[in-house]
Amino acid sequence: MTLLTTVFAAIICTVVWYKNAPKDEMKVGILCWMFWGASIMWLVDAVFEYSELKAAYFTPAPADMLNDLYLGLSAVALGLVIWLIILLVKDPKGAVKAALFRKKP
């Protein structure tokens, strides 16, 4: 489930990035790299787990699937938090700078 969760996140992120490809104001490309990197990591993990478990790999316990889903969603959430921090630090639209240096009447 971790692999599926991150692959779906990576695909959705890539579609959003490609739709706005010439201008990457929101730094979605960074998010794509994070999600595709996580997907590759869990693909390698799945290959090694399959080599260890063989056919039992395809019949996981429901509790294991739920734990894997939570782990995948946690990885996606962490990627989004890191992307948000990068976005706030880089401030491509100048919104944070404008809010911080706004003159009060």
N, C-alpha and C. Protein backbone atom coordinates (compact mmCIF):
# COMPACT_ATOMS: atom_id res chain seq x y z
N MET A 1 0.81 -1.19 0.00
CA MET A 1 0.00 0.00 0.00
C MET A 1 0.86 1.27 0.00
N THR A 2 2.03 1.19 0.60
CA THR A 2 2.90 2.37 0.59
C THR A 2 3.31 2.71 -0.84
N LEU A 3 3.63 1.68 -1.61
CA LEU A 3 4.02 1.89 -3.00
C LEU A 3 2.87 2.49 -3.79
N LEU A 4 1.68 1.94 -3.65
CA LEU A 4 0.53 2.47 -4.38
C LEU A 4 0.20 3.90 -3.99
N THR A 5 0.26 4.18 -2.71
CA THR A 5 -0.06 5.52 -2.23
C THR A 5 0.90 6.55 -2.80
N THR A 6 2.19 6.26 -2.75
CA THR A 6 3.15 7.24 -3.26
C THR A 6 3.16 7.32 -4.78
N VAL A 7 2.88 6.21 -5.45
CA VAL A 7 2.80 6.27 -6.92
C VAL A 7 1.61 7.11 -7.36
N PHE A 8 0.47 6.95 -6.71
CA PHE A 8 -0.69 7.78 -7.05
C PHE A 8 -0.42 9.25 -6.76
N ALA A 9 0.23 9.53 -5.63
CA ALA A 9 0.59 10.92 -5.32
C ALA A 9 1.56 11.47 -6.36
N ALA A 10 2.53 10.66 -6.77
CA ALA A 10 3.52 11.09 -7.76
C ALA A 10 2.85 11.35 -9.11
N ILE A 11 1.92 10.49 -9.50
CA ILE A 11 1.24 10.67 -10.79
C ILE A 11 0.40 11.94 -10.78
N ILE A 12 -0.36 12.14 -9.71
CA ILE A 12 -1.20 13.34 -9.61
C ILE A 12 -0.33 14.59 -9.62
N CYS A 13 0.75 14.55 -8.86
CA CYS A 13 1.66 15.69 -8.79
C CYS A 13 2.31 15.96 -10.15
N THR A 14 2.67 14.92 -10.86
CA THR A 14 3.30 15.08 -12.17
C THR A 14 2.32 15.68 -13.17
N VAL A 15 1.07 15.27 -13.12
CA VAL A 15 0.06 15.84 -14.02
C VAL A 15 -0.12 17.33 -13.73
N VAL A 16 -0.18 17.69 -12.45
CA VAL A 16 -0.31 19.11 -12.09
C VAL A 16 0.92 19.88 -12.54
N TRP A 17 2.11 19.30 -12.35
CA TRP A 17 3.33 19.97 -12.78
C TRP A 17 3.36 20.14 -14.29
N TYR A 18 2.97 19.10 -15.03
CA TYR A 18 3.02 19.15 -16.49
C TYR A 18 2.01 20.15 -17.04
N LYS A 19 0.89 20.28 -16.37
CA LYS A 19 -0.12 21.25 -16.82
C LYS A 19 0.43 22.67 -16.75
N ASN A 20 1.26 22.94 -15.77
CA ASN A 20 1.83 24.28 -15.60
C ASN A 20 3.34 24.28 -15.87
N ALA A 21 3.80 23.42 -16.78
CA ALA A 21 5.23 23.17 -16.97
C ALA A 21 6.08 24.39 -17.31
N PRO A 22 5.70 25.25 -18.21
CA PRO A 22 6.63 26.34 -18.53
C PRO A 22 6.94 27.22 -17.32
N LYS A 23 5.95 27.47 -16.50
CA LYS A 23 6.20 28.28 -15.30
C LYS A 23 5.94 27.40 -14.08
N ASP A 24 6.92 27.29 -13.25
CA ASP A 24 6.81 26.45 -12.07
C ASP A 24 6.84 27.34 -10.83
N GLU A 25 5.88 28.26 -10.75
CA GLU A 25 5.85 29.21 -9.65
C GLU A 25 5.67 28.54 -8.30
N MET A 26 4.88 27.50 -8.26
CA MET A 26 4.56 26.85 -6.98
C MET A 26 5.54 25.74 -6.62
N LYS A 27 6.61 25.59 -7.37
CA LYS A 27 7.66 24.61 -7.08
C LYS A 27 7.11 23.18 -6.97
N VAL A 28 6.16 22.84 -7.85
CA VAL A 28 5.56 21.50 -7.83
C VAL A 28 6.57 20.45 -8.29
N GLY A 29 7.56 20.86 -9.05
CA GLY A 29 8.60 19.94 -9.49
C GLY A 29 9.35 19.30 -8.32
N ILE A 30 9.57 20.08 -7.27
CA ILE A 30 10.23 19.54 -6.07
C ILE A 30 9.37 18.46 -5.45
N LEU A 31 8.07 18.70 -5.40
CA LEU A 31 7.14 17.72 -4.84
C LEU A 31 7.13 16.45 -5.68
N CYS A 32 7.20 16.60 -7.00
CA CYS A 32 7.25 15.43 -7.88
C CYS A 32 8.49 14.59 -7.60
N TRP A 33 9.63 15.24 -7.46
CA TRP A 33 10.87 14.51 -7.18
C TRP A 33 10.77 13.75 -5.86
N MET A 34 10.18 14.36 -4.85
CA MET A 34 10.05 13.68 -3.56
C MET A 34 9.15 12.45 -3.67
N PHE A 35 8.01 12.60 -4.35
CA PHE A 35 7.08 11.48 -4.46
C PHE A 35 7.62 10.37 -5.35
N TRP A 36 8.27 10.73 -6.45
CA TRP A 36 8.85 9.69 -7.30
C TRP A 36 10.02 8.99 -6.59
N GLY A 37 10.78 9.74 -5.80
CA GLY A 37 11.85 9.13 -5.03
C GLY A 37 11.32 8.13 -4.00
N ALA A 38 10.23 8.51 -3.33
CA ALA A 38 9.60 7.59 -2.36
C ALA A 38 9.04 6.37 -3.08
N SER A 39 8.49 6.57 -4.26
CA SER A 39 7.95 5.44 -5.03
C SER A 39 9.04 4.46 -5.43
N ILE A 40 10.17 4.98 -5.86
CA ILE A 40 11.29 4.10 -6.22
C ILE A 40 11.81 3.37 -4.99
N MET A 41 11.87 4.07 -3.87
CA MET A 41 12.33 3.43 -2.63
C MET A 41 11.43 2.26 -2.27
N TRP A 42 10.10 2.46 -2.34
CA TRP A 42 9.19 1.38 -1.98
C TRP A 42 9.09 0.31 -3.05
N LEU A 43 9.43 0.64 -4.29
CA LEU A 43 9.50 -0.39 -5.32
C LEU A 43 10.66 -1.34 -5.02
N VAL A 44 11.80 -0.78 -4.66
CA VAL A 44 12.95 -1.62 -4.28
C VAL A 44 12.61 -2.45 -3.05
N ASP A 45 11.93 -1.85 -2.08
CA ASP A 45 11.51 -2.59 -0.89
C ASP A 45 10.57 -3.73 -1.26
N ALA A 46 9.65 -3.49 -2.18
CA ALA A 46 8.71 -4.53 -2.61
C ALA A 46 9.43 -5.67 -3.32
N VAL A 47 10.42 -5.35 -4.12
CA VAL A 47 11.18 -6.39 -4.82
C VAL A 47 11.90 -7.28 -3.82
N PHE A 48 12.56 -6.67 -2.84
CA PHE A 48 13.28 -7.46 -1.85
C PHE A 48 12.33 -8.24 -0.95
N GLU A 49 11.19 -7.65 -0.62
CA GLU A 49 10.21 -8.37 0.20
C GLU A 49 9.62 -9.55 -0.58
N TYR A 50 9.38 -9.34 -1.88
CA TYR A 50 8.88 -10.44 -2.70
C TYR A 50 9.90 -11.57 -2.79
N SER A 51 11.18 -11.21 -2.93
CA SER A 51 12.21 -12.25 -3.02
C SER A 51 12.31 -13.06 -1.72
N GLU A 52 11.89 -12.45 -0.63
CA GLU A 52 11.93 -13.13 0.66
C GLU A 52 10.67 -13.96 0.90
N LEU A 53 9.49 -13.42 0.56
CA LEU A 53 8.21 -14.07 0.90
C LEU A 53 7.62 -14.91 -0.22
N LYS A 54 8.04 -14.67 -1.45
CA LYS A 54 7.48 -15.34 -2.64
C LYS A 54 5.97 -15.12 -2.73
N ALA A 55 5.16 -16.17 -2.84
CA ALA A 55 3.73 -16.03 -3.07
C ALA A 55 3.00 -15.41 -1.88
N ALA A 56 3.55 -15.53 -0.68
CA ALA A 56 2.92 -14.95 0.50
C ALA A 56 2.90 -13.42 0.44
N TYR A 57 3.73 -12.85 -0.43
CA TYR A 57 3.76 -11.40 -0.58
C TYR A 57 2.41 -10.86 -1.05
N PHE A 58 1.69 -11.64 -1.84
CA PHE A 58 0.43 -11.18 -2.43
C PHE A 58 -0.78 -11.42 -1.54
N THR A 59 -0.59 -11.98 -0.36
CA THR A 59 -1.71 -12.20 0.55
C THR A 59 -1.38 -11.63 1.94
N PRO A 60 -1.26 -10.29 2.02
CA PRO A 60 -0.94 -9.70 3.32
C PRO A 60 -2.15 -9.70 4.25
N ALA A 61 -1.90 -9.64 5.51
CA ALA A 61 -2.97 -9.55 6.50
C ALA A 61 -3.60 -8.15 6.42
N PRO A 62 -4.89 -8.05 6.70
CA PRO A 62 -5.54 -6.73 6.66
C PRO A 62 -4.88 -5.70 7.58
N ALA A 63 -4.42 -6.14 8.72
CA ALA A 63 -3.75 -5.20 9.63
C ALA A 63 -2.45 -4.67 9.01
N ASP A 64 -1.73 -5.54 8.31
CA ASP A 64 -0.50 -5.10 7.64
C ASP A 64 -0.81 -4.11 6.52
N MET A 65 -1.89 -4.36 5.79
CA MET A 65 -2.27 -3.44 4.72
C MET A 65 -2.66 -2.08 5.28
N LEU A 66 -3.38 -2.07 6.41
CA LEU A 66 -3.78 -0.83 7.03
C LEU A 66 -2.55 -0.06 7.54
N ASN A 67 -1.62 -0.77 8.14
CA ASN A 67 -0.38 -0.13 8.61
C ASN A 67 0.40 0.45 7.44
N ASP A 68 0.47 -0.29 6.34
CA ASP A 68 1.17 0.21 5.16
C ASP A 68 0.47 1.44 4.57
N LEU A 69 -0.86 1.43 4.60
CA LEU A 69 -1.61 2.59 4.11
C LEU A 69 -1.31 3.81 4.97
N TYR A 70 -1.31 3.65 6.28
CA TYR A 70 -0.98 4.76 7.18
C TYR A 70 0.44 5.26 6.94
N LEU A 71 1.37 4.35 6.72
CA LEU A 71 2.75 4.74 6.44
C LEU A 71 2.83 5.51 5.12
N GLY A 72 2.13 5.03 4.10
CA GLY A 72 2.13 5.73 2.81
C GLY A 72 1.51 7.11 2.91
N LEU A 73 0.39 7.22 3.62
CA LEU A 73 -0.25 8.53 3.79
C LEU A 73 0.63 9.45 4.63
N SER A 74 1.34 8.89 5.60
CA SER A 74 2.26 9.70 6.41
C SER A 74 3.41 10.22 5.56
N ALA A 75 3.91 9.40 4.66
CA ALA A 75 4.99 9.82 3.76
C ALA A 75 4.51 10.93 2.82
N VAL A 76 3.30 10.79 2.31
CA VAL A 76 2.74 11.82 1.44
C VAL A 76 2.54 13.11 2.23
N ALA A 77 2.03 13.01 3.44
CA ALA A 77 1.83 14.20 4.27
C ALA A 77 3.16 14.87 4.60
N LEU A 78 4.18 14.08 4.91
CA LEU A 78 5.50 14.64 5.20
C LEU A 78 6.07 15.34 3.96
N GLY A 79 5.89 14.73 2.79
CA GLY A 79 6.34 15.37 1.55
C GLY A 79 5.63 16.69 1.32
N LEU A 80 4.33 16.74 1.60
CA LEU A 80 3.58 17.98 1.44
C LEU A 80 4.04 19.05 2.43
N VAL A 81 4.35 18.64 3.66
CA VAL A 81 4.84 19.60 4.66
C VAL A 81 6.20 20.16 4.24
N ILE A 82 7.10 19.29 3.78
CA ILE A 82 8.41 19.76 3.31
C ILE A 82 8.25 20.70 2.13
N TRP A 83 7.35 20.36 1.20
CA TRP A 83 7.10 21.22 0.05
C TRP A 83 6.55 22.57 0.49
N LEU A 84 5.66 22.56 1.47
CA LEU A 84 5.08 23.80 1.97
C LEU A 84 6.15 24.68 2.62
N ILE A 85 7.05 24.07 3.38
CA ILE A 85 8.13 24.84 4.00
C ILE A 85 9.03 25.44 2.92
N ILE A 86 9.38 24.65 1.91
CA ILE A 86 10.19 25.17 0.81
C ILE A 86 9.47 26.31 0.10
N LEU A 87 8.19 26.14 -0.10
CA LEU A 87 7.39 27.18 -0.77
C LEU A 87 7.36 28.46 0.05
N LEU A 88 7.21 28.34 1.36
CA LEU A 88 7.17 29.53 2.20
C LEU A 88 8.54 30.21 2.28
N VAL A 89 9.60 29.44 2.27
CA VAL A 89 10.95 30.02 2.33
C VAL A 89 11.29 30.71 1.01
N LYS A 90 11.01 30.05 -0.11
CA LYS A 90 11.33 30.64 -1.42
C LYS A 90 10.38 31.79 -1.76
N ASP A 91 9.13 31.69 -1.33
CA ASP A 91 8.11 32.73 -1.52
C ASP A 91 8.06 33.26 -2.95
N PRO A 92 7.67 32.39 -3.91
CA PRO A 92 7.73 32.79 -5.33
C PRO A 92 6.78 33.95 -5.69
N LYS A 93 5.69 34.10 -4.99
CA LYS A 93 4.75 35.17 -5.32
C LYS A 93 4.92 36.39 -4.41
N GLY A 94 5.81 36.30 -3.43
CA GLY A 94 6.06 37.42 -2.54
C GLY A 94 4.97 37.64 -1.51
N ALA A 95 4.10 36.67 -1.29
CA ALA A 95 2.99 36.82 -0.36
C ALA A 95 3.46 36.87 1.09
N VAL A 96 4.42 36.03 1.44
CA VAL A 96 4.92 36.01 2.82
C VAL A 96 5.64 37.32 3.12
N LYS A 97 6.47 37.77 2.19
CA LYS A 97 7.20 39.02 2.38
C LYS A 97 6.24 40.20 2.52
N ALA A 98 5.20 40.22 1.70
CA ALA A 98 4.22 41.30 1.78
C ALA A 98 3.47 41.27 3.11
N ALA A 99 3.16 40.07 3.60
CA ALA A 99 2.45 39.98 4.88
C ALA A 99 3.34 40.37 6.05
N LEU A 100 4.62 40.03 5.98
CA LEU A 100 5.53 40.37 7.07
C LEU A 100 5.88 41.84 7.14
N PHE A 101 6.00 42.49 5.99
CA PHE A 101 6.43 43.88 5.96
C PHE A 101 5.29 44.83 5.67
N ARG A 102 4.08 44.41 5.90
CA ARG A 102 2.92 45.28 5.69
C ARG A 102 2.92 46.36 6.77
N LYS A 103 2.70 47.58 6.37
CA LYS A 103 2.64 48.69 7.32
C LYS A 103 1.27 48.72 7.98
N LYS A 104 1.28 48.82 9.27
CA LYS A 104 0.02 48.90 10.00
C LYS A 104 -0.37 50.37 10.15
N PRO A 105 -1.66 50.68 9.99
CA PRO A 105 -2.08 52.10 10.09
C PRO A 105 -2.05 52.62 11.50
